[in-house]
Protein backbone atom coordinates (compact mmCIF):
# COMPACT_ATOMS: atom_id res chain seq x y z
CA MET A 1 -38.71 -8.61 6.05
CA LYS A 2 -36.51 -5.54 5.66
CA LYS A 3 -33.29 -5.95 3.69
CA LEU A 4 -29.83 -4.47 4.24
CA ALA A 5 -27.07 -4.48 1.64
CA VAL A 6 -23.53 -4.50 3.08
CA ILE A 7 -20.77 -3.41 0.72
CA THR A 8 -17.16 -4.13 1.62
CA SER A 9 -13.85 -4.68 -0.08
CA HIS A 10 -13.16 -8.39 0.49
CA PRO A 11 -13.75 -11.21 2.98
CA ILE A 12 -12.00 -10.28 6.24
CA GLN A 13 -11.27 -12.68 9.08
CA TYR A 14 -12.79 -10.30 11.63
CA TYR A 15 -15.94 -9.42 9.66
CA ALA A 16 -17.02 -12.87 8.47
CA PRO A 17 -17.92 -14.09 12.00
CA LEU A 18 -19.64 -10.74 12.62
CA PHE A 19 -21.81 -11.30 9.54
CA ARG A 20 -22.63 -14.81 10.75
CA HIS A 21 -23.61 -13.39 14.13
CA ILE A 22 -25.87 -10.75 12.57
CA ALA A 23 -27.51 -13.40 10.38
CA SER A 24 -28.21 -15.55 13.45
CA VAL A 25 -29.84 -12.85 15.59
CA ALA A 26 -31.22 -10.09 13.33
CA ASP A 27 -34.88 -9.61 12.46
CA PHE A 28 -33.88 -8.39 9.01
CA SER A 29 -32.17 -10.05 6.09
CA PHE A 30 -28.93 -8.83 4.56
CA LYS A 31 -26.51 -9.64 1.80
CA VAL A 32 -22.81 -8.82 1.68
CA PHE A 33 -21.41 -7.56 -1.62
CA TYR A 34 -17.69 -8.26 -1.92
CA LEU A 35 -15.58 -6.28 -4.37
CA TRP A 36 -12.55 -8.62 -4.38
CA ASN A 37 -11.82 -12.23 -3.47
CA PHE A 38 -8.67 -11.69 -1.40
CA GLY A 39 -8.56 -13.97 1.64
CA VAL A 40 -10.54 -16.86 0.19
CA THR A 41 -7.88 -17.75 -2.37
CA GLN A 42 -4.15 -17.84 -1.76
CA GLN A 43 -2.72 -14.45 -2.69
CA VAL A 44 0.29 -12.35 -1.75
CA ASP A 45 -0.24 -10.01 1.20
CA ALA A 46 1.84 -6.87 0.58
CA GLY A 47 2.54 -6.32 4.29
CA PHE A 48 3.43 -9.90 5.19
CA LYS A 49 5.38 -10.34 1.92
CA GLN A 50 4.06 -13.86 1.45
CA ARG A 51 1.11 -15.78 0.03
CA ILE A 52 -1.65 -16.29 2.59
CA GLN A 53 -5.11 -17.75 2.78
CA TRP A 54 -7.09 -17.53 6.01
CA ASP A 55 -7.80 -20.90 7.61
CA ILE A 56 -11.18 -20.07 9.16
CA PRO A 57 -14.53 -20.03 7.29
CA LEU A 58 -15.08 -16.68 5.60
CA LEU A 59 -18.14 -17.31 3.44
CA SER A 60 -20.45 -19.51 5.50
CA GLY A 61 -23.50 -18.64 7.58
CA TYR A 62 -24.66 -15.53 5.72
CA ASP A 63 -25.74 -14.42 2.25
CA TYR A 64 -23.17 -12.84 -0.07
CA GLU A 65 -22.18 -12.32 -3.67
CA PHE A 66 -19.00 -11.21 -5.38
CA VAL A 67 -19.02 -8.20 -7.67
CA PRO A 68 -16.56 -8.68 -10.56
CA ASN A 69 -13.43 -6.55 -10.11
CA ILE A 70 -11.85 -5.55 -13.42
CA SER A 71 -8.87 -3.71 -11.91
CA PRO A 72 -5.61 -4.82 -13.57
CA ASN A 73 -4.01 -4.58 -10.12
CA PRO A 74 -6.64 -5.68 -7.56
CA SER A 75 -5.80 -4.28 -4.13
CA THR A 76 -7.07 -2.25 -1.19
CA SER A 77 -3.82 -0.29 -1.04
CA HIS A 78 -4.62 2.09 -3.89
CA PHE A 79 -7.62 3.98 -5.28
CA TRP A 80 -7.95 1.99 -8.51
CA GLY A 81 -7.59 -1.41 -6.83
CA LEU A 82 -11.36 -1.89 -6.72
CA GLN A 83 -13.09 -1.31 -10.07
CA ASN A 84 -16.51 -2.92 -10.12
CA PRO A 85 -18.71 -1.52 -12.93
CA SER A 86 -21.65 -3.78 -12.07
CA LEU A 87 -21.79 -2.84 -8.36
CA PHE A 88 -24.61 -0.33 -8.67
CA ASN A 89 -26.84 -2.67 -10.67
CA GLN A 90 -26.15 -5.71 -8.49
CA VAL A 91 -27.07 -3.84 -5.31
CA ARG A 92 -30.11 -2.25 -6.95
CA ALA A 93 -31.27 -5.69 -8.08
CA TYR A 94 -31.22 -6.81 -4.43
CA ASN A 95 -33.62 -3.90 -3.72
CA PRO A 96 -32.44 -3.17 -0.16
CA ASP A 97 -34.16 -0.88 2.34
CA ALA A 98 -30.74 0.51 3.33
CA ALA A 99 -27.10 0.01 2.33
CA LEU A 100 -24.12 -0.11 4.68
CA LEU A 101 -20.66 0.72 3.31
CA MET A 102 -17.54 -0.41 5.17
CA ASN A 103 -15.18 1.56 2.88
CA TYR A 104 -15.45 4.49 0.51
CA ASN A 105 -12.03 5.57 -0.74
CA TYR A 106 -11.97 3.47 -3.91
CA ALA A 107 -13.04 4.15 -7.48
CA SER A 108 -16.04 1.81 -7.38
CA LEU A 109 -17.36 3.16 -4.12
CA TYR A 110 -17.15 6.82 -5.07
CA ASN A 111 -19.13 6.00 -8.19
CA PHE A 112 -21.69 4.09 -6.12
CA ILE A 113 -22.06 6.82 -3.48
CA TRP A 114 -22.69 9.59 -6.01
CA ARG A 115 -25.08 7.54 -8.15
CA TRP A 116 -27.18 6.03 -5.32
CA ASN A 117 -30.50 7.67 -4.49
CA CYS A 118 -29.86 8.34 -0.80
CA ARG A 119 -33.28 9.89 -0.23
CA GLN A 120 -35.08 6.80 -1.45
CA THR A 121 -32.75 4.24 0.17
CA PRO A 122 -30.48 5.56 2.94
CA LEU A 123 -26.78 4.89 3.10
CA LEU A 124 -24.93 4.04 6.31
CA PHE A 125 -21.18 4.04 6.85
CA ARG A 126 -18.97 2.25 9.34
CA GLY A 127 -15.33 3.27 9.51
CA ASP A 128 -12.46 3.40 11.97
CA SER A 129 -10.39 6.45 10.98
CA HIS A 130 -9.09 8.85 13.63
CA ARG A 131 -7.01 12.01 14.03
CA LEU A 132 -4.58 10.80 16.69
CA LEU A 133 -1.82 11.83 14.29
CA PRO A 134 -3.20 15.22 13.22
CA ILE A 135 -2.19 16.72 9.88
CA THR A 136 -2.32 20.47 9.33
CA GLY A 137 -2.00 22.83 6.38
CA ALA A 138 -4.00 23.91 3.35
CA LYS A 139 -4.21 20.40 1.92
CA GLN A 140 -5.67 19.12 5.18
CA TRP A 141 -8.28 21.90 5.14
CA LEU A 142 -9.34 20.88 1.63
CA ARG A 143 -9.31 17.21 2.63
CA ARG A 144 -11.53 17.95 5.62
CA LYS A 145 -14.06 19.75 3.46
CA PHE A 146 -14.07 16.97 0.87
CA ILE A 147 -14.55 14.19 3.43
CA SER A 148 -17.28 16.20 5.17
CA LEU A 149 -19.04 16.45 1.81
CA ILE A 150 -18.87 12.66 1.39
CA TYR A 151 -20.30 12.03 4.86
CA ARG A 152 -23.33 14.16 4.01
CA ARG A 153 -24.37 11.37 1.68
CA PHE A 154 -24.75 9.03 4.68
CA SER A 155 -27.86 9.14 6.82
CA ALA A 156 -26.07 7.50 9.76
CA CYS A 157 -22.52 6.53 10.70
CA LEU A 158 -21.39 3.73 12.99
CA TYR A 159 -18.34 4.55 15.09
CA VAL A 160 -16.05 1.90 16.56
CA GLY A 161 -14.57 3.82 19.48
CA LYS A 162 -13.77 7.21 21.01
CA ALA A 163 -11.11 8.33 18.52
CA ASN A 164 -13.33 7.36 15.60
CA TYR A 165 -16.28 9.25 17.15
CA HIS A 166 -14.20 12.43 17.32
CA TYR A 167 -13.09 11.89 13.73
CA PHE A 168 -16.69 11.87 12.53
CA CYS A 169 -17.47 14.97 14.59
CA TYR A 170 -14.43 16.73 13.09
CA HIS A 171 -15.93 16.02 9.68
CA GLU A 172 -19.24 17.60 10.66
CA VAL A 173 -21.31 14.46 11.22
CA PRO A 174 -24.00 15.48 13.77
CA PRO A 175 -23.91 13.47 17.04
CA GLU A 176 -27.50 12.33 16.51
CA LYS A 177 -26.36 10.49 13.38
CA LEU A 178 -23.60 8.57 15.22
CA PHE A 179 -24.15 5.10 16.68
CA PHE A 180 -21.68 3.02 18.67
CA ALA A 181 -20.85 -0.27 16.93
CA PRO A 182 -17.48 -1.23 18.42
CA HIS A 183 -14.66 -3.02 16.70
CA ALA A 184 -14.74 -6.58 17.95
CA ILE A 185 -13.45 -10.05 17.25
CA ASP A 186 -15.00 -13.48 17.69
CA ASN A 187 -14.57 -13.37 21.48
CA ASN A 188 -16.24 -16.73 22.02
CA ARG A 189 -13.77 -18.51 19.74
CA PHE A 190 -10.89 -17.31 21.90
CA PHE A 191 -12.70 -17.87 25.21
CA SER A 192 -13.58 -21.46 24.27
CA GLN A 193 -10.01 -22.29 23.25
CA ALA A 194 -8.21 -20.74 26.23
CA ASP A 195 -7.38 -23.95 28.12
CA LYS A 196 -6.21 -25.78 25.00
CA ALA A 197 -4.20 -22.76 23.88
CA HIS A 198 -2.34 -22.51 27.19
CA HIS A 199 -1.27 -26.15 26.92
CA GLN A 200 -0.17 -25.63 23.31
CA ALA A 201 1.75 -22.50 24.33
CA MET A 202 3.87 -24.39 26.87
CA VAL A 203 4.96 -26.83 24.16
CA TRP A 204 5.55 -24.02 21.65
CA LYS A 205 7.62 -22.08 24.17
CA GLN A 206 9.99 -25.02 24.45
CA GLU A 207 10.13 -25.43 20.66
CA LEU A 208 11.07 -21.75 20.26
CA GLY A 209 13.85 -22.07 22.82
CA ILE A 210 12.34 -19.59 25.25
CA PRO A 211 13.32 -20.43 28.85
CA GLN A 212 10.30 -21.84 30.69
CA ASN A 213 10.77 -19.41 33.58
CA ASP A 214 10.89 -16.36 31.32
CA SER A 215 7.92 -14.05 30.98
CA VAL A 216 7.16 -13.16 27.37
CA ILE A 217 6.55 -9.85 25.61
CA LEU A 218 4.73 -10.38 22.31
CA PHE A 219 4.68 -8.42 19.07
CA ALA A 220 2.26 -10.02 16.59
CA GLY A 221 1.77 -8.55 13.14
CA LYS A 222 3.49 -7.22 10.06
CA PHE A 223 7.13 -6.22 10.35
CA ILE A 224 6.66 -2.85 8.64
CA SER A 225 7.77 0.65 9.56
CA VAL A 226 4.35 1.98 10.61
CA LYS A 227 4.01 -0.84 13.15
CA ARG A 228 7.36 0.22 14.73
CA PRO A 229 8.69 -3.21 15.74
CA LEU A 230 12.20 -1.72 15.92
CA ASP A 231 10.96 0.69 18.61
CA LEU A 232 9.94 -2.29 20.72
CA LEU A 233 13.24 -4.09 20.14
CA GLN A 234 15.23 -1.00 21.16
CA ALA A 235 12.99 -0.39 24.19
CA PHE A 236 13.43 -4.01 25.26
CA LEU A 237 17.22 -3.65 25.10
CA GLN A 238 17.06 -0.39 27.09
CA ALA A 239 14.81 -1.86 29.77
CA HIS A 240 17.31 -4.57 30.86
CA LEU A 241 14.57 -6.86 32.14
CA SER A 242 15.40 -9.97 34.10
CA GLN A 243 13.89 -13.31 33.05
CA VAL A 244 11.87 -11.74 30.23
CA SER A 245 11.99 -12.72 26.55
CA LEU A 246 10.75 -10.78 23.53
CA LEU A 247 8.92 -12.71 20.82
CA PHE A 248 8.27 -11.32 17.33
CA VAL A 249 5.56 -13.24 15.46
CA GLY A 250 5.02 -12.43 11.81
CA THR A 251 7.04 -11.34 8.80
CA GLY A 252 7.53 -8.31 6.60
CA SER A 253 10.03 -5.91 5.05
CA LEU A 254 11.82 -5.18 8.35
CA GLU A 255 12.47 -8.81 9.27
CA ARG A 256 16.09 -8.83 8.14
CA GLU A 257 16.85 -5.64 10.07
CA LEU A 258 15.10 -6.92 13.18
CA ARG A 259 16.99 -10.19 13.09
CA SER A 260 20.26 -8.32 12.57
CA HIS A 261 19.70 -6.18 15.67
CA ALA A 262 18.65 -9.23 17.68
CA ALA A 263 21.41 -11.53 16.45
CA ASN A 264 23.50 -11.54 19.63
CA HIS A 265 20.66 -11.40 22.15
CA PRO A 266 19.60 -14.76 23.59
CA HIS A 267 16.24 -13.45 24.84
CA ILE A 268 14.86 -12.19 21.52
CA HIS A 269 13.00 -14.79 19.48
CA PHE A 270 11.15 -14.99 16.17
CA ALA A 271 8.26 -17.10 14.92
CA PRO A 272 6.72 -17.08 11.41
CA PHE A 273 3.28 -15.82 10.41
CA GLN A 274 0.56 -17.64 12.37
CA ASN A 275 -2.80 -18.21 10.72
CA GLN A 276 -6.09 -17.60 12.52
CA THR A 277 -6.50 -21.01 14.12
CA LEU A 278 -3.11 -20.60 15.81
CA MET A 279 -3.72 -17.12 17.20
CA PRO A 280 -5.12 -18.26 20.58
CA ARG A 281 -1.85 -20.13 21.17
CA THR A 282 0.10 -17.08 20.00
CA TYR A 283 -1.38 -14.89 22.74
CA ALA A 284 -1.34 -17.66 25.34
CA ILE A 285 2.46 -17.80 25.18
CA ALA A 286 2.69 -14.15 26.22
CA ASP A 287 2.36 -12.24 29.46
CA LEU A 288 2.16 -8.88 27.72
CA LEU A 289 1.23 -7.73 24.21
CA VAL A 290 2.83 -4.55 22.87
CA LEU A 291 1.48 -2.59 19.90
CA PRO A 292 3.90 0.33 19.32
CA SER A 293 2.44 1.48 15.98
CA TYR A 294 2.89 5.07 14.85
CA SER A 295 -0.46 4.88 13.06
CA GLU A 296 -3.10 2.22 13.71
CA THR A 297 -6.79 2.71 12.98
CA TRP A 298 -7.78 0.32 15.79
CA GLY A 299 -5.54 -2.65 16.63
CA LEU A 300 -7.63 -5.81 16.83
CA VAL A 301 -4.62 -7.77 18.09
CA ILE A 302 -5.29 -6.05 21.40
CA ASN A 303 -8.87 -7.38 21.43
CA GLU A 304 -7.49 -10.85 20.76
CA ALA A 305 -4.85 -10.66 23.47
CA MET A 306 -7.40 -9.38 25.97
CA CYS A 307 -9.66 -12.33 25.21
CA MET A 308 -6.75 -14.53 26.29
CA SER A 309 -6.43 -12.55 29.56
CA ARG A 310 -3.31 -10.65 28.55
CA ALA A 311 -2.19 -7.17 29.57
CA ALA A 312 -1.36 -4.71 26.80
CA ILE A 313 0.81 -1.69 26.08
CA ALA A 314 -0.03 0.54 23.12
CA SER A 315 1.11 3.84 21.71
CA THR A 316 -1.02 6.97 21.75
CA HIS A 317 -1.54 6.60 17.97
CA VAL A 318 -3.30 3.24 18.30
CA GLY A 319 -7.01 3.81 17.75
CA CYS A 320 -8.26 1.41 20.43
CA ALA A 321 -5.91 2.57 23.20
CA SER A 322 -8.33 4.98 24.87
CA ASP A 323 -11.14 2.42 24.68
CA LEU A 324 -9.49 -0.86 25.62
CA ILE A 325 -6.50 0.10 27.76
CA GLN A 326 -7.13 1.57 31.19
CA PRO A 327 -3.72 2.55 32.57
CA TYR A 328 -2.71 0.55 35.62
CA ARG A 329 -5.88 -1.52 35.38
CA ASN A 330 -5.04 -3.69 32.38
CA GLY A 331 -2.03 -2.07 30.71
CA LEU A 332 -0.21 1.15 29.84
CA ILE A 333 -0.13 3.77 27.06
CA PHE A 334 3.02 5.58 25.90
CA PRO A 335 3.68 8.48 23.48
CA ALA A 336 4.03 7.10 19.95
CA GLY A 337 7.64 6.98 18.77
CA ASP A 338 9.12 7.52 22.24
CA VAL A 339 11.41 4.52 22.75
CA SER A 340 12.53 5.61 26.21
CA ALA A 341 8.92 5.95 27.38
CA LEU A 342 8.17 2.47 26.03
CA ALA A 343 11.20 1.08 27.89
CA THR A 344 9.90 2.69 31.09
CA CYS A 345 6.48 1.09 30.50
CA LEU A 346 8.10 -2.32 30.08
CA GLN A 347 9.99 -1.85 33.34
CA GLU A 348 6.81 -0.78 35.12
CA ALA A 349 4.82 -3.71 33.77
CA PHE A 350 7.35 -6.28 34.96
CA SER A 351 8.11 -4.60 38.28
CA ASP A 352 5.21 -6.56 39.79
CA ARG A 353 4.43 -9.79 37.97
CA GLU A 354 1.46 -10.66 40.12
CA ARG A 355 -0.04 -7.29 39.26
CA LEU A 356 0.70 -7.96 35.57
CA LYS A 357 -1.31 -11.16 35.81
CA MET A 358 -4.18 -9.23 37.42
CA TRP A 359 -4.01 -6.74 34.56
CA GLY A 360 -4.56 -9.64 32.19
CA GLU A 361 -7.60 -10.80 34.13
CA GLU A 362 -9.02 -7.27 33.96
CA SER A 363 -8.43 -7.26 30.19
CA ARG A 364 -10.80 -10.16 29.74
CA LYS A 365 -13.50 -8.34 31.74
CA ILE A 366 -13.11 -5.16 29.72
CA VAL A 367 -13.18 -6.85 26.29
CA THR A 368 -16.55 -8.50 27.00
CA HIS A 369 -18.08 -5.07 26.33
CA TYR A 370 -16.52 -5.07 22.84
CA SER A 371 -18.31 -7.96 21.18
CA TYR A 372 -20.40 -8.72 18.11
CA THR A 373 -23.49 -8.32 20.30
CA GLN A 374 -22.69 -4.63 20.90
CA THR A 375 -21.75 -4.12 17.25
CA THR A 376 -25.04 -5.59 16.06
CA GLN A 377 -26.98 -3.52 18.59
CA GLY A 378 -25.40 -0.32 17.24
CA LEU A 379 -26.35 -1.27 13.70
CA LYS A 380 -29.94 -1.98 14.73
CA GLU A 381 -30.18 1.36 16.58
CA ALA A 382 -29.06 3.16 13.43
CA LEU A 383 -31.64 1.32 11.32
CA VAL A 384 -34.38 2.19 13.83
CA HIS A 385 -33.27 5.84 13.74
CA LEU A 386 -33.63 5.79 9.95
CA GLY A 387 -37.08 4.22 10.15
CA VAL A 388 -35.92 1.05 8.39
CA LEU A 389 -36.68 -1.04 11.49
CA CYS A 390 -39.34 -0.63 14.13
CA PRO A 391 -38.08 -0.09 17.70
CA SER A 392 -39.34 -3.54 18.72
CA GLN A 393 -36.99 -5.15 16.19
């Protein structure tokens, strides 16, 4: 049986169920090599500003091993946060027929990429970068050339959506080396919990003090500047919506400022960080999810909300917007950073609440095409292209 090595930074709540899915359906074996143990032990998340540990299984149902990380400051937020001297030898000992990298911009991975014999055992890469916020100038030109040089080491690249596809093309990856493997979540977990989550949401709504007759706009994530929660708060105040509440779920460096601006408004509410098992309830309480980020590689919260039949509004700098949001079918898209445009979108969304509900129903239909099945299929197509797998596999 052919073998695939998967190299990634740390156990991630979205990737672990993907790995379990691949292990359950693939006609090849694979092992995941983790470069850090964040997520499986309680550690401080820099964005949430609190200690977290995911409450869903991250290490069951597939083969894996940890590669010792000797960084004095383990992290994925800086280049030297992943230092794994034994990575090359551990992967080589597995003797894979191909290796898939999910990151590259860390010390250990640069070392691995340059040392690995790509002609003997091909490398694949799956990323989610985009150029929705283009940068210009001499430094960008040099950066483009450098990244293009890195991508030449990969025999195939898996792209997660339209913006990511164009990013690879911009960095001179030929179209014939690109394979669609969309960003997805564990759709079935959300689908199966929908009825229970809606019941839980009604109780939670009362606990939070949100009027039962109010519709709810949801922001779920880190309260940090790049996510632009203040844009949403200001847009909500500008929109002057009737019988609509705004709910911020999460925590982060902007929490004090958000609460200060919302102090005298009875229709703005806050809830603390919700772990994975509570996320279906988190989306079930809402009628509309808003992701106003000024830079977002994808935005898997939109996938999650869509699985719970929720409409969505996103900024033009959210990577998934052009894939998952079809304006006036299941949501709206506004220019990133434009508070007035966001306020107009909120007014439009709630101008017809029956239509808003229909948008949510359309969301669920759309997100079925962004599942682990499609992601696995893209990976298999890439492996067939490389000659690792036979077409029948």
